[in-house]
Amino acid sequence: MTAVRPDNAQVSEAEPAVTAIDEAAARQAARSVPGLPCDAEGPVFREPWEAEAFAMAVALNQRGLFGWDEWAAMLGEEIKAAQRAGPPPYPPPLAGEGREGGETYYCHWLAVLERMVARKGIADRAALKRYHDAWERAADRTPHGAPIELTARDFAAK
């Protein structure tokens, strides 16, 4: 597993920058959220999008949208629901990974981000679906390896 950190990501001109977050806030999240994949330096990520999901959650926490206890409870519910849905699609945990194996851990973070912003009235489910569908359309037309760019056309298509 390659450790990708939000504070030291290497970015080419073609890639968007990974969101920078306060190191103290990242450490607080690591202490507050059970199962967070960490090494001796703090949270680790398999892919840049995982660091982005983590950074979004940290930013929303810092803005007071939720506390880490609330986040951890919702994340636990999300992981348990996925486990109840059937055999887990991920391998057993490896050293330094979350208890559920790490393969899907940040997918659960994304699901909780969506649930949390809907619960708090930041964006409703319809708005989230509209952005999801627009992203899918943009991704479908984007060549592999190229940055995905949303356009007004992506939102207008049905």
Protein backbone atom coordinates (compact mmCIF):
# COMPACT_ATOMS: atom_id res chain seq x y z
CA MET A 1 0.00 0.00 0.00
CA THR A 2 1.31 3.42 -0.90
CA ALA A 3 0.77 6.02 1.77
CA VAL A 4 -0.72 9.16 0.29
CA ARG A 5 -0.93 12.10 2.65
CA PRO A 6 -3.05 15.19 2.14
CA ASP A 7 -0.20 17.46 3.19
CA ASN A 8 2.54 16.18 0.87
CA ALA A 9 0.85 15.01 -2.30
CA GLN A 10 2.85 15.48 -5.46
CA VAL A 11 0.77 17.19 -8.11
CA SER A 12 1.42 17.59 -11.81
CA GLU A 13 0.00 20.50 -13.79
CA ALA A 14 -2.70 18.16 -15.11
CA GLU A 15 -3.79 17.06 -11.63
CA PRO A 16 -5.81 19.09 -9.14
CA ALA A 17 -4.11 19.67 -5.81
CA VAL A 18 -5.05 17.45 -2.91
CA THR A 19 -6.80 19.42 -0.20
CA ALA A 20 -4.39 20.53 2.51
CA ILE A 21 -5.58 20.04 6.06
CA ASP A 22 -4.30 21.05 9.45
CA GLU A 23 -2.03 18.34 10.88
CA ALA A 24 -3.47 18.78 14.38
CA ALA A 25 -6.99 18.28 13.00
CA ALA A 26 -5.86 15.12 11.19
CA ARG A 27 -4.32 13.77 14.42
CA GLN A 28 -7.56 14.57 16.30
CA ALA A 29 -9.56 12.63 13.70
CA ALA A 30 -7.15 9.70 13.97
CA ARG A 31 -7.63 9.62 17.76
CA SER A 32 -11.40 10.03 17.52
CA VAL A 33 -12.38 7.63 14.73
CA PRO A 34 -11.81 3.95 15.57
CA GLY A 35 -10.35 1.86 12.76
CA LEU A 36 -8.85 4.78 10.83
CA PRO A 37 -5.94 3.40 8.78
CA CYS A 38 -2.81 4.98 10.30
CA ASP A 39 0.91 4.51 10.55
CA ALA A 40 3.36 6.16 12.96
CA GLU A 41 2.94 9.51 11.20
CA GLY A 42 -0.85 9.55 11.04
CA PRO A 43 -3.64 8.62 8.61
CA VAL A 44 -2.65 6.81 5.40
CA PHE A 45 -4.55 6.47 2.14
CA ARG A 46 -4.37 4.05 -0.78
CA GLU A 47 -5.48 6.62 -3.34
CA PRO A 48 -5.67 10.43 -3.52
CA TRP A 49 -9.49 10.37 -3.48
CA GLU A 50 -9.35 8.76 -0.03
CA ALA A 51 -7.25 11.66 1.25
CA GLU A 52 -9.78 14.05 -0.28
CA ALA A 53 -12.69 12.29 1.47
CA PHE A 54 -10.77 12.45 4.76
CA ALA A 55 -9.95 16.14 4.20
CA MET A 56 -13.60 16.96 3.47
CA ALA A 57 -14.71 15.28 6.69
CA VAL A 58 -12.01 17.08 8.69
CA ALA A 59 -12.98 20.43 7.13
CA LEU A 60 -16.68 19.91 7.93
CA ASN A 61 -15.78 18.90 11.49
CA GLN A 62 -13.64 22.02 11.90
CA ARG A 63 -16.58 24.14 10.70
CA GLY A 64 -18.76 22.61 13.39
CA LEU A 65 -21.07 20.55 11.17
CA PHE A 66 -20.58 17.49 13.37
CA GLY A 67 -18.45 16.15 16.21
CA TRP A 68 -16.16 13.16 15.84
CA ASP A 69 -18.37 11.09 18.16
CA GLU A 70 -21.30 11.64 15.80
CA TRP A 71 -19.10 10.87 12.78
CA ALA A 72 -17.69 7.68 14.33
CA ALA A 73 -21.19 6.47 15.26
CA MET A 74 -22.50 7.05 11.73
CA LEU A 75 -19.40 5.45 10.19
CA GLY A 76 -19.83 2.43 12.44
CA GLU A 77 -23.48 2.14 11.34
CA GLU A 78 -22.42 2.37 7.70
CA ILE A 79 -19.76 -0.34 8.02
CA LYS A 80 -22.09 -2.65 10.00
CA ALA A 81 -24.84 -2.20 7.40
CA ALA A 82 -22.39 -3.11 4.62
CA GLN A 83 -21.27 -6.18 6.55
CA ARG A 84 -24.91 -7.26 7.16
CA ALA A 85 -25.65 -6.87 3.44
CA GLY A 86 -23.60 -9.95 2.67
CA PRO A 87 -20.14 -11.37 2.66
CA PRO A 88 -17.66 -8.53 2.86
CA PRO A 89 -16.09 -7.67 -0.51
CA TYR A 90 -12.77 -6.97 1.14
CA PRO A 91 -9.94 -9.09 2.54
CA PRO A 92 -9.17 -9.44 6.24
CA PRO A 93 -7.31 -6.50 7.75
CA LEU A 94 -3.61 -6.12 7.13
CA ALA A 95 -1.23 -4.36 9.50
CA GLY A 96 -1.89 -0.63 9.50
CA GLU A 97 -5.31 -0.87 7.86
CA GLY A 98 -8.77 -0.29 9.22
CA ARG A 99 -10.50 -3.22 10.92
CA GLU A 100 -12.68 -3.89 7.91
CA GLY A 101 -9.66 -4.42 5.67
CA GLY A 102 -9.06 -1.05 4.10
CA GLU A 103 -10.34 -1.89 0.63
CA THR A 104 -13.71 -0.22 1.17
CA TYR A 105 -13.05 1.88 4.26
CA TYR A 106 -13.10 5.26 2.51
CA CYS A 107 -16.08 4.23 0.39
CA HIS A 108 -17.87 4.15 3.74
CA TRP A 109 -16.48 7.64 4.50
CA LEU A 110 -18.03 8.90 1.25
CA ALA A 111 -21.37 7.33 2.12
CA VAL A 112 -21.25 8.96 5.57
CA LEU A 113 -20.31 12.33 4.03
CA GLU A 114 -23.43 12.09 1.86
CA ARG A 115 -25.63 11.05 4.77
CA MET A 116 -24.20 13.72 7.04
CA VAL A 117 -24.67 16.65 4.64
CA ALA A 118 -28.21 15.45 3.92
CA ARG A 119 -29.00 15.08 7.65
CA LYS A 120 -27.61 18.54 8.40
CA GLY A 121 -29.48 20.19 5.52
CA ILE A 122 -26.37 21.15 3.52
CA ALA A 123 -27.47 19.21 0.44
CA ASP A 124 -30.50 16.98 0.04
CA ARG A 125 -30.48 13.52 -1.52
CA ALA A 126 -31.82 14.89 -4.82
CA ALA A 127 -28.91 17.34 -5.13
CA LEU A 128 -26.41 14.62 -4.27
CA LYS A 129 -27.96 12.33 -6.92
CA ARG A 130 -27.85 15.13 -9.49
CA TYR A 131 -24.12 15.63 -8.88
CA HIS A 132 -23.50 11.88 -8.84
CA ASP A 133 -25.25 11.46 -12.18
CA ALA A 134 -23.43 14.47 -13.67
CA TRP A 135 -20.11 13.02 -12.49
CA GLU A 136 -20.95 9.66 -14.07
CA ARG A 137 -21.73 11.34 -17.41
CA ALA A 138 -18.50 13.34 -17.26
CA ALA A 139 -16.48 10.24 -16.31
CA ASP A 140 -18.04 8.23 -19.16
CA ARG A 141 -16.87 10.72 -21.79
CA THR A 142 -13.40 11.30 -20.27
CA PRO A 143 -10.47 9.29 -21.64
CA HIS A 144 -8.71 7.12 -19.06
CA GLY A 145 -6.09 9.08 -17.14
CA ALA A 146 -7.45 12.49 -18.13
CA PRO A 147 -8.93 14.80 -15.48
CA ILE A 148 -12.72 14.63 -15.23
CA GLU A 149 -14.35 18.01 -15.79
CA LEU A 150 -17.99 18.72 -15.01
CA THR A 151 -19.81 21.00 -17.44
CA ALA A 152 -23.32 22.44 -17.52
CA ARG A 153 -24.11 19.79 -20.15
CA ASP A 154 -23.48 17.08 -17.56
CA PHE A 155 -26.20 18.51 -15.34
CA ALA A 156 -28.67 19.09 -18.17
CA ALA A 157 -28.51 15.55 -19.58
CA LYS A 158 -31.16 13.10 -18.51
